[in-house]
N, C-alpha and C. Protein backbone atom coordinates (compact mmCIF):
# COMPACT_ATOMS: atom_id res chain seq x y z
N MET A 1 4.01 2.58 23.68
CA MET A 1 4.04 2.30 22.22
C MET A 1 3.31 3.47 21.52
N SER A 2 3.91 3.90 20.46
CA SER A 2 3.31 5.06 19.71
C SER A 2 2.14 4.55 18.84
N LYS A 3 1.34 5.49 18.44
CA LYS A 3 0.21 5.13 17.56
C LYS A 3 0.66 4.50 16.26
N LEU A 4 1.78 5.05 15.72
CA LEU A 4 2.32 4.49 14.47
C LEU A 4 2.73 3.05 14.69
N ASP A 5 3.39 2.72 15.83
CA ASP A 5 3.84 1.36 16.14
C ASP A 5 2.59 0.39 16.20
N GLU A 6 1.53 0.92 16.85
CA GLU A 6 0.30 0.12 16.95
C GLU A 6 -0.26 -0.17 15.55
N LEU A 7 -0.29 0.79 14.69
CA LEU A 7 -0.76 0.58 13.33
C LEU A 7 0.15 -0.37 12.53
N LEU A 8 1.45 -0.23 12.75
CA LEU A 8 2.41 -1.10 12.04
C LEU A 8 2.19 -2.56 12.44
N GLU A 9 1.76 -2.77 13.73
CA GLU A 9 1.43 -4.17 14.15
C GLU A 9 0.25 -4.69 13.38
N LYS A 10 -0.76 -3.87 13.21
CA LYS A 10 -1.99 -4.29 12.51
C LYS A 10 -1.61 -4.60 11.00
N TYR A 11 -0.81 -3.74 10.45
CA TYR A 11 -0.44 -3.90 9.03
C TYR A 11 0.40 -5.19 8.83
N THR A 12 1.29 -5.43 9.81
CA THR A 12 2.13 -6.61 9.78
C THR A 12 1.26 -7.89 9.87
N ALA A 13 0.24 -7.88 10.72
CA ALA A 13 -0.70 -9.01 10.84
C ALA A 13 -1.39 -9.26 9.53
N ASP A 14 -1.85 -8.17 8.84
CA ASP A 14 -2.50 -8.34 7.53
C ASP A 14 -1.58 -8.92 6.47
N LEU A 15 -0.37 -8.42 6.49
CA LEU A 15 0.65 -8.96 5.54
C LEU A 15 0.97 -10.39 5.80
N GLN A 16 1.10 -10.78 7.04
CA GLN A 16 1.38 -12.19 7.37
C GLN A 16 0.18 -13.04 6.97
N ALA A 17 -1.04 -12.52 7.02
CA ALA A 17 -2.23 -13.28 6.72
C ALA A 17 -2.30 -13.59 5.25
N VAL A 18 -1.69 -12.70 4.37
CA VAL A 18 -1.64 -12.98 2.96
C VAL A 18 -0.35 -13.72 2.54
N GLY A 19 0.39 -14.13 3.59
CA GLY A 19 1.61 -14.95 3.31
C GLY A 19 2.81 -14.23 2.93
N ASP A 20 2.85 -12.93 3.26
CA ASP A 20 4.03 -12.09 2.93
C ASP A 20 5.03 -12.06 4.09
N ARG A 21 6.33 -12.18 3.69
CA ARG A 21 7.41 -12.06 4.64
C ARG A 21 7.59 -10.55 4.80
N VAL A 22 7.33 -9.98 5.91
CA VAL A 22 7.24 -8.52 6.09
C VAL A 22 8.66 -7.91 6.17
N ASP A 23 8.85 -6.90 5.35
CA ASP A 23 10.05 -6.02 5.45
C ASP A 23 9.64 -4.85 6.26
N ALA A 24 10.04 -4.88 7.56
CA ALA A 24 9.62 -3.85 8.53
C ALA A 24 10.07 -2.41 8.13
N VAL A 25 11.24 -2.37 7.52
CA VAL A 25 11.77 -1.03 7.13
C VAL A 25 10.88 -0.48 5.96
N LEU A 26 10.55 -1.36 4.96
CA LEU A 26 9.73 -0.87 3.89
C LEU A 26 8.36 -0.50 4.39
N LEU A 27 7.81 -1.34 5.31
CA LEU A 27 6.47 -1.06 5.85
C LEU A 27 6.41 0.33 6.49
N ARG A 28 7.41 0.61 7.33
CA ARG A 28 7.49 1.91 8.00
C ARG A 28 7.62 3.02 6.98
N ALA A 29 8.46 2.79 5.92
CA ALA A 29 8.64 3.85 4.88
C ALA A 29 7.35 4.12 4.17
N VAL A 30 6.58 3.04 3.87
CA VAL A 30 5.25 3.25 3.19
C VAL A 30 4.32 4.00 4.07
N ALA A 31 4.31 3.66 5.34
CA ALA A 31 3.41 4.35 6.36
C ALA A 31 3.76 5.83 6.43
N LYS A 32 5.04 6.16 6.43
CA LYS A 32 5.45 7.52 6.45
C LYS A 32 5.11 8.27 5.15
N ALA A 33 5.26 7.53 4.04
CA ALA A 33 4.91 8.14 2.77
C ALA A 33 3.37 8.49 2.67
N CYS A 34 2.56 7.71 3.36
CA CYS A 34 1.15 7.94 3.37
C CYS A 34 0.76 9.21 4.20
N GLY A 35 1.65 9.53 5.11
CA GLY A 35 1.44 10.72 5.93
C GLY A 35 0.30 10.55 6.93
N PRO A 36 -0.30 11.62 7.37
CA PRO A 36 -1.27 11.62 8.41
C PRO A 36 -2.62 10.90 8.01
N SER A 37 -2.77 10.61 6.76
CA SER A 37 -4.02 9.94 6.31
C SER A 37 -4.21 8.57 7.01
N ILE A 38 -3.15 7.97 7.48
CA ILE A 38 -3.27 6.67 8.13
C ILE A 38 -3.99 6.72 9.41
N TYR A 39 -4.09 7.91 9.99
CA TYR A 39 -4.74 8.02 11.28
C TYR A 39 -6.22 8.38 11.18
N ARG A 40 -6.68 8.62 9.91
CA ARG A 40 -8.14 8.89 9.74
C ARG A 40 -8.76 7.62 9.17
N LYS A 41 -9.84 7.18 9.79
CA LYS A 41 -10.46 5.91 9.45
C LYS A 41 -10.71 5.75 7.90
N ASP A 42 -11.44 6.67 7.36
CA ASP A 42 -11.82 6.54 5.94
C ASP A 42 -10.58 6.64 5.04
N ALA A 43 -9.74 7.56 5.29
CA ALA A 43 -8.53 7.70 4.44
C ALA A 43 -7.50 6.63 4.59
N SER A 44 -7.59 5.88 5.72
CA SER A 44 -6.60 4.85 5.99
C SER A 44 -6.91 3.52 5.20
N LEU A 45 -8.10 3.51 4.53
CA LEU A 45 -8.53 2.33 3.75
C LEU A 45 -8.57 2.64 2.29
N VAL A 46 -8.40 1.60 1.50
CA VAL A 46 -8.45 1.68 0.02
C VAL A 46 -9.77 1.02 -0.36
N ALA A 47 -10.57 1.67 -1.15
CA ALA A 47 -11.79 1.08 -1.76
C ALA A 47 -11.40 0.48 -3.08
N ALA A 48 -10.88 -0.71 -3.11
CA ALA A 48 -10.32 -1.36 -4.35
C ALA A 48 -11.37 -1.56 -5.40
N SER A 49 -12.67 -1.48 -5.06
CA SER A 49 -13.68 -1.68 -6.11
C SER A 49 -14.16 -0.38 -6.72
N ASP A 50 -13.63 0.75 -6.19
CA ASP A 50 -13.99 2.09 -6.66
C ASP A 50 -12.98 2.54 -7.72
N LYS A 51 -13.43 2.75 -8.93
CA LYS A 51 -12.54 3.08 -10.03
C LYS A 51 -11.88 4.46 -9.76
N LYS A 52 -12.53 5.42 -9.14
CA LYS A 52 -11.97 6.69 -8.81
C LYS A 52 -10.84 6.54 -7.84
N GLU A 53 -11.05 5.66 -6.82
CA GLU A 53 -10.00 5.40 -5.84
C GLU A 53 -8.81 4.73 -6.48
N LEU A 54 -9.00 3.80 -7.32
CA LEU A 54 -7.86 3.13 -8.01
C LEU A 54 -7.12 4.11 -8.90
N GLU A 55 -7.81 5.02 -9.49
CA GLU A 55 -7.18 6.07 -10.32
C GLU A 55 -6.31 6.95 -9.44
N ARG A 56 -6.83 7.26 -8.26
CA ARG A 56 -6.05 8.08 -7.30
C ARG A 56 -4.79 7.33 -6.86
N VAL A 57 -4.92 6.04 -6.58
CA VAL A 57 -3.77 5.19 -6.19
C VAL A 57 -2.71 5.22 -7.32
N ARG A 58 -3.26 5.06 -8.54
CA ARG A 58 -2.38 5.01 -9.72
C ARG A 58 -1.60 6.27 -9.88
N LYS A 59 -2.31 7.44 -9.81
CA LYS A 59 -1.69 8.72 -10.05
C LYS A 59 -0.82 9.15 -8.88
N SER A 60 -1.37 9.11 -7.68
CA SER A 60 -0.63 9.66 -6.55
C SER A 60 0.45 8.74 -6.02
N PHE A 61 0.26 7.48 -6.02
CA PHE A 61 1.28 6.54 -5.43
C PHE A 61 2.13 5.94 -6.52
N LEU A 62 1.56 5.24 -7.44
CA LEU A 62 2.38 4.51 -8.43
C LEU A 62 3.14 5.47 -9.36
N ILE A 63 2.50 6.50 -9.87
CA ILE A 63 3.22 7.43 -10.76
C ILE A 63 3.96 8.52 -9.93
N GLY A 64 3.22 9.11 -8.94
CA GLY A 64 3.74 10.20 -8.18
C GLY A 64 4.90 9.84 -7.20
N LYS A 65 4.67 8.75 -6.34
CA LYS A 65 5.61 8.42 -5.36
C LYS A 65 6.66 7.41 -5.85
N LEU A 66 6.19 6.43 -6.67
CA LEU A 66 7.12 5.39 -7.13
C LEU A 66 7.83 5.76 -8.47
N GLY A 67 7.30 6.76 -9.18
CA GLY A 67 7.93 7.21 -10.40
C GLY A 67 7.71 6.22 -11.56
N LEU A 68 6.61 5.45 -11.51
CA LEU A 68 6.38 4.54 -12.60
C LEU A 68 5.70 5.29 -13.83
N ASN A 69 5.89 4.68 -15.00
CA ASN A 69 5.28 5.24 -16.20
C ASN A 69 3.81 4.72 -16.28
N ASP A 70 2.96 5.56 -16.84
CA ASP A 70 1.53 5.30 -16.93
C ASP A 70 1.32 4.31 -18.11
N THR A 71 1.43 2.99 -17.77
CA THR A 71 1.27 1.93 -18.78
C THR A 71 0.20 0.97 -18.29
N PRO A 72 -0.23 0.03 -19.14
CA PRO A 72 -1.17 -0.97 -18.74
C PRO A 72 -0.64 -1.91 -17.60
N LYS A 73 0.65 -1.94 -17.44
CA LYS A 73 1.28 -2.74 -16.37
C LYS A 73 0.77 -2.28 -14.98
N LEU A 74 0.46 -0.95 -14.91
CA LEU A 74 -0.04 -0.46 -13.62
C LEU A 74 -1.35 -1.11 -13.24
N ASP A 75 -2.26 -1.25 -14.27
CA ASP A 75 -3.59 -1.93 -14.03
C ASP A 75 -3.35 -3.41 -13.66
N GLU A 76 -2.36 -4.06 -14.29
CA GLU A 76 -2.03 -5.46 -13.95
C GLU A 76 -1.57 -5.55 -12.49
N GLY A 77 -0.76 -4.58 -12.05
CA GLY A 77 -0.28 -4.60 -10.72
C GLY A 77 -1.39 -4.38 -9.70
N LEU A 78 -2.30 -3.42 -9.99
CA LEU A 78 -3.40 -3.15 -9.17
C LEU A 78 -4.30 -4.37 -9.05
N ALA A 79 -4.52 -5.04 -10.15
CA ALA A 79 -5.36 -6.26 -10.12
C ALA A 79 -4.72 -7.39 -9.34
N ALA A 80 -3.38 -7.49 -9.47
CA ALA A 80 -2.69 -8.56 -8.77
C ALA A 80 -2.73 -8.33 -7.27
N VAL A 81 -2.53 -7.10 -6.82
CA VAL A 81 -2.59 -6.76 -5.39
C VAL A 81 -3.99 -6.97 -4.85
N LYS A 82 -4.98 -6.55 -5.65
CA LYS A 82 -6.42 -6.70 -5.21
C LYS A 82 -6.71 -8.21 -4.98
N ALA A 83 -6.21 -9.02 -5.86
CA ALA A 83 -6.43 -10.50 -5.74
C ALA A 83 -5.70 -11.06 -4.58
N THR A 84 -4.54 -10.58 -4.31
CA THR A 84 -3.69 -11.05 -3.15
C THR A 84 -4.28 -10.62 -1.82
N TYR A 85 -4.62 -9.37 -1.80
CA TYR A 85 -5.11 -8.75 -0.51
C TYR A 85 -6.63 -8.64 -0.64
N SER A 86 -7.31 -9.71 -0.44
CA SER A 86 -8.72 -9.83 -0.67
C SER A 86 -9.59 -9.49 0.49
N LYS A 87 -8.99 -9.02 1.60
CA LYS A 87 -9.75 -8.62 2.75
C LYS A 87 -10.67 -7.50 2.35
N ARG A 88 -11.88 -7.44 2.98
CA ARG A 88 -12.85 -6.39 2.61
C ARG A 88 -12.35 -5.02 2.94
N ALA A 89 -11.91 -4.77 4.19
CA ALA A 89 -11.34 -3.50 4.51
C ALA A 89 -9.82 -3.52 4.34
N LYS A 90 -9.38 -2.90 3.29
CA LYS A 90 -7.96 -2.97 2.93
C LYS A 90 -7.24 -1.71 3.43
N TYR A 91 -6.26 -1.94 4.28
CA TYR A 91 -5.43 -0.80 4.81
C TYR A 91 -4.61 -0.17 3.66
N ARG A 92 -4.62 1.10 3.53
CA ARG A 92 -3.92 1.80 2.50
C ARG A 92 -2.39 1.48 2.54
N VAL A 93 -1.85 1.43 3.76
CA VAL A 93 -0.42 1.16 3.89
C VAL A 93 -0.12 -0.25 3.36
N VAL A 94 -0.91 -1.22 3.72
CA VAL A 94 -0.67 -2.59 3.25
C VAL A 94 -0.82 -2.69 1.77
N TYR A 95 -1.80 -2.02 1.20
CA TYR A 95 -2.05 -2.02 -0.26
C TYR A 95 -0.87 -1.40 -0.98
N TYR A 96 -0.40 -0.27 -0.49
CA TYR A 96 0.72 0.41 -1.12
C TYR A 96 1.99 -0.41 -0.93
N TYR A 97 2.20 -1.05 0.21
CA TYR A 97 3.34 -1.88 0.45
C TYR A 97 3.39 -3.01 -0.58
N LEU A 98 2.23 -3.69 -0.77
CA LEU A 98 2.14 -4.77 -1.75
C LEU A 98 2.43 -4.28 -3.18
N LEU A 99 1.94 -3.10 -3.49
CA LEU A 99 2.22 -2.48 -4.78
C LEU A 99 3.74 -2.19 -4.94
N ALA A 100 4.30 -1.63 -3.94
CA ALA A 100 5.77 -1.34 -4.02
C ALA A 100 6.58 -2.65 -4.25
N LYS A 101 6.22 -3.69 -3.53
CA LYS A 101 6.90 -4.96 -3.73
C LYS A 101 6.57 -5.52 -5.06
N HIS A 102 5.36 -5.43 -5.52
CA HIS A 102 4.97 -6.00 -6.85
C HIS A 102 5.85 -5.34 -7.96
N PHE A 103 5.99 -4.01 -7.86
CA PHE A 103 6.76 -3.33 -8.88
C PHE A 103 8.24 -3.20 -8.53
N LYS A 104 8.64 -3.90 -7.47
CA LYS A 104 10.07 -3.93 -7.08
C LYS A 104 10.63 -2.50 -6.84
N LYS A 105 9.85 -1.69 -6.15
CA LYS A 105 10.29 -0.34 -5.88
C LYS A 105 10.47 -0.09 -4.38
N GLY A 106 10.62 -1.16 -3.60
CA GLY A 106 10.78 -0.98 -2.16
C GLY A 106 11.99 -0.16 -1.85
N ALA A 107 13.10 -0.32 -2.53
CA ALA A 107 14.31 0.40 -2.26
C ALA A 107 14.09 1.89 -2.51
N PHE A 108 13.26 2.19 -3.46
CA PHE A 108 12.99 3.60 -3.82
C PHE A 108 12.37 4.33 -2.61
N LEU A 109 11.48 3.68 -1.89
CA LEU A 109 10.81 4.27 -0.80
C LEU A 109 11.67 4.31 0.56
N LYS A 110 12.61 3.39 0.64
CA LYS A 110 13.42 3.33 1.80
C LYS A 110 14.48 4.43 1.87
N LYS A 111 14.67 5.19 0.84
CA LYS A 111 15.68 6.21 0.81
C LYS A 111 15.48 7.23 1.89
């Protein structure tokens, strides 16, 4: 089993814990979109209580990768995912996956 497959198993378990029906294709697409950062401990996690981190997520993922407009709806989405995924150590891939689903942009990443 590859390292990516091992990580995808962890991500799937986290998503199932929050009651999500996992789209394995979308999950793999999000993991690939995150690049090699998923293999570095600190970079693989999102500090959802850090305003700078959330701004990075907003700019690099929501606006940069998903192509969303910079509106207050982005903050609403970030807050909704933070409330849903309340685990202390939040995997970046899971966080991004939930954001992509929240904004209905899963198909955008699967291309």
